[in-house]
Amino acid sequence: MVEGAPAATNWNVEKAVNVRWKIELPGLAHSSPVVWGNKIFVTTAITSAAKNETRYGLFGDVAPVKDDPKHTWKVYALDKRTGKILWERVAYEGIPKVKRHPKSTHADSTP
């Protein structure tokens, strides 16, 4: 059983239809958020490279990303009602230990 109002079945970010708030965070992540009480926990991996690179769409190549410089993995706690950042913590900093798929990120695992 889920608490609260029924989930929206449609939304439009550009028109703010069924969107309470949105927030921009640094880095790349495909992990799912965790909702616990009035907090939402999200993760991200921030590269020290000049720009974040990930690919979208259909491509024939699936070779791992060649250059993986130092990354900073962070965990954010957000207020569920407002999206305000309550706190952020560095989980790890360093060179990724595994290569990543070009359509993926180093923050794919849900916390």
N, C-alpha and C. Protein backbone atom coordinates (compact mmCIF):
# COMPACT_ATOMS: atom_id res chain seq x y z
N MET A 1 0.84 -1.17 0.00
CA MET A 1 0.00 0.00 0.00
C MET A 1 0.89 1.24 0.00
N VAL A 2 0.57 2.19 -0.86
CA VAL A 2 1.35 3.42 -0.98
C VAL A 2 0.58 4.56 -0.32
N GLU A 3 1.30 5.36 0.45
CA GLU A 3 0.68 6.50 1.12
C GLU A 3 0.58 7.68 0.17
N GLY A 4 -0.37 8.56 0.42
CA GLY A 4 -0.46 9.82 -0.32
C GLY A 4 -1.43 9.77 -1.47
N ALA A 5 -1.37 10.82 -2.29
CA ALA A 5 -2.27 10.97 -3.43
C ALA A 5 -1.94 9.94 -4.51
N PRO A 6 -2.91 9.63 -5.36
CA PRO A 6 -2.65 8.70 -6.46
C PRO A 6 -1.54 9.25 -7.36
N ALA A 7 -0.78 8.35 -7.96
CA ALA A 7 0.30 8.75 -8.86
C ALA A 7 -0.28 9.32 -10.15
N ALA A 8 0.41 10.31 -10.69
CA ALA A 8 0.00 10.88 -11.98
C ALA A 8 0.22 9.85 -13.08
N THR A 9 -0.67 9.83 -14.05
CA THR A 9 -0.53 8.90 -15.18
C THR A 9 0.00 9.61 -16.41
N ASN A 10 0.07 10.94 -16.37
CA ASN A 10 0.69 11.69 -17.46
C ASN A 10 1.31 12.96 -16.89
N TRP A 11 2.32 13.47 -17.56
CA TRP A 11 2.95 14.71 -17.13
C TRP A 11 3.69 15.33 -18.30
N ASN A 12 3.98 16.60 -18.16
CA ASN A 12 4.71 17.35 -19.18
C ASN A 12 5.62 18.33 -18.45
N VAL A 13 6.91 18.09 -18.51
CA VAL A 13 7.86 18.92 -17.78
C VAL A 13 7.86 20.35 -18.31
N GLU A 14 7.86 20.52 -19.63
CA GLU A 14 7.90 21.86 -20.23
C GLU A 14 6.71 22.71 -19.82
N LYS A 15 5.54 22.10 -19.69
CA LYS A 15 4.32 22.84 -19.33
C LYS A 15 3.99 22.73 -17.84
N ALA A 16 4.84 22.08 -17.07
CA ALA A 16 4.67 21.88 -15.63
C ALA A 16 3.35 21.19 -15.29
N VAL A 17 2.92 20.26 -16.14
CA VAL A 17 1.71 19.48 -15.88
C VAL A 17 2.09 18.30 -14.99
N ASN A 18 1.49 18.22 -13.82
CA ASN A 18 1.76 17.18 -12.83
C ASN A 18 3.23 17.13 -12.40
N VAL A 19 3.90 18.27 -12.45
CA VAL A 19 5.28 18.39 -11.98
C VAL A 19 5.28 19.39 -10.84
N ARG A 20 5.64 18.94 -9.66
CA ARG A 20 5.65 19.82 -8.49
C ARG A 20 6.89 20.70 -8.47
N TRP A 21 8.03 20.13 -8.82
CA TRP A 21 9.30 20.86 -8.84
C TRP A 21 10.30 20.07 -9.66
N LYS A 22 11.36 20.75 -10.06
CA LYS A 22 12.49 20.07 -10.67
C LYS A 22 13.75 20.79 -10.24
N ILE A 23 14.86 20.08 -10.24
CA ILE A 23 16.12 20.64 -9.78
C ILE A 23 17.23 20.12 -10.68
N GLU A 24 18.21 20.96 -10.93
CA GLU A 24 19.37 20.55 -11.70
C GLU A 24 20.50 20.22 -10.74
N LEU A 25 21.09 19.05 -10.93
CA LEU A 25 22.22 18.62 -10.12
C LEU A 25 23.40 18.36 -11.04
N PRO A 26 24.62 18.49 -10.54
CA PRO A 26 25.79 18.24 -11.40
C PRO A 26 25.97 16.76 -11.67
N GLY A 27 26.70 16.45 -12.72
CA GLY A 27 27.06 15.08 -13.02
C GLY A 27 26.02 14.33 -13.81
N LEU A 28 26.21 13.03 -13.88
CA LEU A 28 25.31 12.13 -14.60
C LEU A 28 24.88 11.01 -13.68
N ALA A 29 23.64 10.57 -13.83
CA ALA A 29 23.14 9.45 -13.03
C ALA A 29 21.93 8.82 -13.69
N HIS A 30 21.85 7.53 -13.62
CA HIS A 30 20.68 6.79 -14.07
C HIS A 30 20.04 6.03 -12.92
N SER A 31 20.53 6.23 -11.72
CA SER A 31 19.99 5.53 -10.57
C SER A 31 18.58 6.02 -10.25
N SER A 32 17.82 5.18 -9.62
CA SER A 32 16.47 5.57 -9.20
C SER A 32 16.53 6.31 -7.87
N PRO A 33 15.66 7.30 -7.69
CA PRO A 33 15.62 7.97 -6.40
C PRO A 33 15.00 7.06 -5.34
N VAL A 34 15.37 7.32 -4.10
CA VAL A 34 14.78 6.60 -2.97
C VAL A 34 13.98 7.62 -2.16
N VAL A 35 12.71 7.32 -1.93
CA VAL A 35 11.86 8.20 -1.12
C VAL A 35 11.72 7.56 0.24
N TRP A 36 12.06 8.34 1.27
CA TRP A 36 11.97 7.86 2.64
C TRP A 36 11.43 9.00 3.48
N GLY A 37 10.21 8.84 3.96
CA GLY A 37 9.57 9.92 4.72
C GLY A 37 9.42 11.15 3.84
N ASN A 38 9.91 12.27 4.31
CA ASN A 38 9.82 13.53 3.55
C ASN A 38 11.10 13.85 2.79
N LYS A 39 11.95 12.84 2.60
CA LYS A 39 13.20 13.06 1.88
C LYS A 39 13.27 12.18 0.64
N ILE A 40 13.99 12.70 -0.36
CA ILE A 40 14.31 11.94 -1.56
C ILE A 40 15.83 11.89 -1.65
N PHE A 41 16.38 10.69 -1.80
CA PHE A 41 17.82 10.52 -1.90
C PHE A 41 18.18 10.17 -3.34
N VAL A 42 19.14 10.91 -3.91
CA VAL A 42 19.60 10.67 -5.28
C VAL A 42 21.12 10.64 -5.29
N THR A 43 21.67 9.99 -6.30
CA THR A 43 23.12 9.92 -6.45
C THR A 43 23.54 10.53 -7.78
N THR A 44 24.81 10.87 -7.88
CA THR A 44 25.37 11.38 -9.13
C THR A 44 26.86 11.10 -9.16
N ALA A 45 27.41 11.02 -10.36
CA ALA A 45 28.85 10.89 -10.55
C ALA A 45 29.31 12.09 -11.37
N ILE A 46 30.20 12.88 -10.81
CA ILE A 46 30.65 14.12 -11.44
C ILE A 46 32.07 13.91 -11.94
N THR A 47 32.26 14.07 -13.23
CA THR A 47 33.57 13.86 -13.83
C THR A 47 34.43 15.11 -13.69
N SER A 48 35.75 14.93 -13.67
CA SER A 48 36.67 16.07 -13.69
C SER A 48 37.02 16.45 -15.12
N ALA A 49 36.49 15.73 -16.10
CA ALA A 49 36.72 16.06 -17.51
C ALA A 49 36.05 17.38 -17.85
N ALA A 50 36.40 17.91 -18.99
CA ALA A 50 35.85 19.20 -19.42
C ALA A 50 34.33 19.17 -19.53
N LYS A 51 33.76 18.03 -19.91
CA LYS A 51 32.30 17.92 -20.01
C LYS A 51 31.87 16.48 -19.77
N ASN A 52 30.63 16.35 -19.32
CA ASN A 52 30.04 15.02 -19.16
C ASN A 52 29.69 14.50 -20.54
N GLU A 53 30.05 13.26 -20.80
CA GLU A 53 29.71 12.69 -22.09
C GLU A 53 28.96 11.39 -21.92
N THR A 54 27.77 11.37 -22.43
CA THR A 54 26.98 10.15 -22.52
C THR A 54 26.23 10.24 -23.83
N ARG A 55 25.89 9.10 -24.38
CA ARG A 55 25.23 9.08 -25.70
C ARG A 55 23.79 8.63 -25.54
N TYR A 56 22.95 9.17 -26.39
CA TYR A 56 21.53 8.81 -26.40
C TYR A 56 21.17 8.35 -27.80
N GLY A 57 20.20 7.48 -27.92
CA GLY A 57 19.76 7.04 -29.23
C GLY A 57 20.38 5.71 -29.61
N LEU A 58 20.24 5.36 -30.89
CA LEU A 58 20.74 4.09 -31.39
C LEU A 58 22.11 4.28 -32.03
N PHE A 59 23.07 3.49 -31.61
CA PHE A 59 24.41 3.52 -32.16
C PHE A 59 24.88 2.09 -32.32
N GLY A 60 25.72 1.84 -33.32
CA GLY A 60 26.22 0.50 -33.55
C GLY A 60 27.34 0.11 -32.62
N ASP A 61 28.10 1.09 -32.15
CA ASP A 61 29.23 0.74 -31.28
C ASP A 61 28.80 0.71 -29.82
N VAL A 62 29.37 -0.19 -29.08
CA VAL A 62 29.09 -0.27 -27.65
C VAL A 62 30.38 -0.37 -26.85
N ALA A 63 31.46 0.10 -27.45
CA ALA A 63 32.76 0.06 -26.76
C ALA A 63 32.69 0.93 -25.51
N PRO A 64 33.35 0.50 -24.43
CA PRO A 64 33.34 1.31 -23.21
C PRO A 64 33.95 2.69 -23.45
N VAL A 65 33.57 3.64 -22.62
CA VAL A 65 34.13 4.98 -22.70
C VAL A 65 35.63 4.87 -22.49
N LYS A 66 36.40 5.50 -23.37
CA LYS A 66 37.85 5.34 -23.35
C LYS A 66 38.53 6.08 -22.21
N ASP A 67 38.11 7.30 -21.96
CA ASP A 67 38.81 8.13 -20.99
C ASP A 67 37.92 8.36 -19.79
N ASP A 68 38.25 7.80 -18.67
CA ASP A 68 37.50 8.01 -17.44
C ASP A 68 38.40 8.67 -16.41
N PRO A 69 38.41 10.00 -16.39
CA PRO A 69 39.24 10.69 -15.41
C PRO A 69 38.62 10.60 -14.01
N LYS A 70 39.22 11.28 -13.08
CA LYS A 70 38.74 11.28 -11.69
C LYS A 70 37.27 11.68 -11.64
N HIS A 71 36.51 11.01 -10.80
CA HIS A 71 35.10 11.30 -10.58
C HIS A 71 34.87 11.56 -9.09
N THR A 72 33.80 12.28 -8.82
CA THR A 72 33.31 12.47 -7.45
C THR A 72 31.89 11.93 -7.42
N TRP A 73 31.66 10.91 -6.59
CA TRP A 73 30.33 10.35 -6.41
C TRP A 73 29.68 11.05 -5.22
N LYS A 74 28.46 11.55 -5.44
CA LYS A 74 27.76 12.26 -4.37
C LYS A 74 26.38 11.67 -4.12
N VAL A 75 25.93 11.84 -2.88
CA VAL A 75 24.56 11.50 -2.49
C VAL A 75 23.91 12.80 -2.03
N TYR A 76 22.72 13.06 -2.53
CA TYR A 76 21.95 14.25 -2.15
C TYR A 76 20.68 13.82 -1.43
N ALA A 77 20.31 14.59 -0.42
CA ALA A 77 19.01 14.45 0.24
C ALA A 77 18.20 15.69 -0.13
N LEU A 78 17.04 15.48 -0.72
CA LEU A 78 16.17 16.57 -1.14
C LEU A 78 14.89 16.56 -0.34
N ASP A 79 14.32 17.73 -0.13
CA ASP A 79 13.01 17.83 0.50
C ASP A 79 11.97 17.36 -0.52
N LYS A 80 11.15 16.40 -0.14
CA LYS A 80 10.16 15.83 -1.06
C LYS A 80 9.14 16.86 -1.53
N ARG A 81 8.80 17.81 -0.69
CA ARG A 81 7.75 18.78 -1.05
C ARG A 81 8.27 19.91 -1.94
N THR A 82 9.53 20.33 -1.73
CA THR A 82 10.03 21.52 -2.41
C THR A 82 11.18 21.26 -3.38
N GLY A 83 11.88 20.14 -3.23
CA GLY A 83 13.06 19.87 -4.04
C GLY A 83 14.32 20.53 -3.52
N LYS A 84 14.21 21.25 -2.43
CA LYS A 84 15.37 21.93 -1.84
C LYS A 84 16.41 20.89 -1.41
N ILE A 85 17.69 21.18 -1.67
CA ILE A 85 18.77 20.31 -1.22
C ILE A 85 18.91 20.47 0.29
N LEU A 86 18.70 19.38 1.02
CA LEU A 86 18.85 19.39 2.47
C LEU A 86 20.30 19.16 2.87
N TRP A 87 20.96 18.25 2.17
CA TRP A 87 22.38 18.02 2.36
C TRP A 87 22.95 17.27 1.18
N GLU A 88 24.26 17.33 1.05
CA GLU A 88 24.97 16.53 0.05
C GLU A 88 26.24 15.98 0.70
N ARG A 89 26.60 14.76 0.30
CA ARG A 89 27.79 14.12 0.86
C ARG A 89 28.61 13.51 -0.29
N VAL A 90 29.91 13.59 -0.16
CA VAL A 90 30.79 12.90 -1.10
C VAL A 90 30.90 11.46 -0.62
N ALA A 91 30.51 10.54 -1.48
CA ALA A 91 30.59 9.12 -1.15
C ALA A 91 31.97 8.55 -1.49
N TYR A 92 32.55 9.05 -2.58
CA TYR A 92 33.87 8.55 -3.01
C TYR A 92 34.42 9.50 -4.06
N GLU A 93 35.75 9.62 -4.10
CA GLU A 93 36.44 10.35 -5.15
C GLU A 93 37.57 9.49 -5.67
N GLY A 94 37.74 9.46 -6.99
CA GLY A 94 38.84 8.71 -7.55
C GLY A 94 38.58 8.32 -8.99
N ILE A 95 39.49 7.55 -9.52
CA ILE A 95 39.35 7.02 -10.88
C ILE A 95 38.37 5.86 -10.83
N PRO A 96 37.38 5.82 -11.73
CA PRO A 96 36.45 4.69 -11.74
C PRO A 96 37.20 3.36 -11.88
N LYS A 97 36.76 2.36 -11.15
CA LYS A 97 37.42 1.05 -11.17
C LYS A 97 36.97 0.19 -12.35
N VAL A 98 35.84 0.53 -12.94
CA VAL A 98 35.34 -0.19 -14.11
C VAL A 98 35.02 0.81 -15.21
N LYS A 99 35.09 0.32 -16.44
CA LYS A 99 34.70 1.17 -17.56
C LYS A 99 33.18 1.21 -17.63
N ARG A 100 32.66 2.23 -18.31
CA ARG A 100 31.21 2.32 -18.43
C ARG A 100 30.79 2.30 -19.89
N HIS A 101 29.59 1.85 -20.11
CA HIS A 101 28.97 1.85 -21.43
C HIS A 101 28.75 3.30 -21.86
N PRO A 102 28.86 3.63 -23.14
CA PRO A 102 28.71 5.02 -23.58
C PRO A 102 27.32 5.62 -23.33
N LYS A 103 26.31 4.79 -23.10
CA LYS A 103 24.98 5.29 -22.80
C LYS A 103 24.66 5.23 -21.31
N SER A 104 25.66 4.94 -20.51
CA SER A 104 25.45 4.75 -19.09
C SER A 104 26.20 5.82 -18.30
N THR A 105 26.16 5.70 -17.00
CA THR A 105 26.89 6.61 -16.11
C THR A 105 27.58 5.78 -15.04
N HIS A 106 28.41 6.43 -14.25
CA HIS A 106 29.02 5.72 -13.13
C HIS A 106 28.13 5.77 -11.89
N ALA A 107 26.97 6.39 -11.99
CA ALA A 107 26.00 6.42 -10.90
C ALA A 107 24.71 5.75 -11.37
N ASP A 108 24.81 4.45 -11.64
CA ASP A 108 23.65 3.69 -12.11
C ASP A 108 22.97 2.92 -10.98
N SER A 109 23.70 2.58 -9.97
CA SER A 109 23.13 1.77 -8.89
C SER A 109 22.27 2.62 -7.97
N THR A 110 21.08 2.12 -7.68
CA THR A 110 20.17 2.81 -6.76
C THR A 110 20.68 2.64 -5.35
N PRO A 111 20.71 3.75 -4.58
CA PRO A 111 21.24 3.64 -3.20
C PRO A 111 20.36 2.76 -2.32
